């Protein structure tokens, strides 16, 4: 009996270790590529342990089923390119969703939503999916509190055909943040349902 219990325990430990994101067992940087993230209407996004996503850190890629997220996992900022799919329609306005992480970049020296932002669109087609890192912002303008980009060190964009991030240039993007709106969205997300 003890022998069977030991084998069961070893099997459970190995199954649990295999379910961890790549790198979690060895202490190497964790990769979430290939990992599914589920969203339930009653409980919201089921993020991996230690990962946080604010509402203003998400960007849809036009009318496609693709999104770009900035996620802070264990205090390190990551950008994820994800594909969204509907698992089940709960009613006419709510669905259970699955997001598959297709590509990822780690940004250990950046602050999500501040120096690392998805609040950019392409200058020519107004498409989303751009990520800027090392961002510096101008002071707020007008009644809207709009904050425009002054400079950035790095620009990447989510390429739908390659399903990964590719290099881009600052000349390709227009970026604006609305800190008051971001704060309001965060308050709504944190308020009890």
Foldseek 3Di string as FASTA:
>chain_A
DVVVVVVVVVVVVVVVVVPAFPCPVPVRDGDQAFPKWKQFPVPGIPDDPQKDFAPQQKDDFPPAQWIWGWIQHVNKTKIFIWGKDFPAAPDPPDTMIMIGGHEMDIDRVFDRPAQWHQQKAFPPPRTGFKIFHRWDWDFADDPQRKIWTDDGDFMWGQDPVVRYIDGDDPNGITGIDRVVVSVVRRCVVPDDD
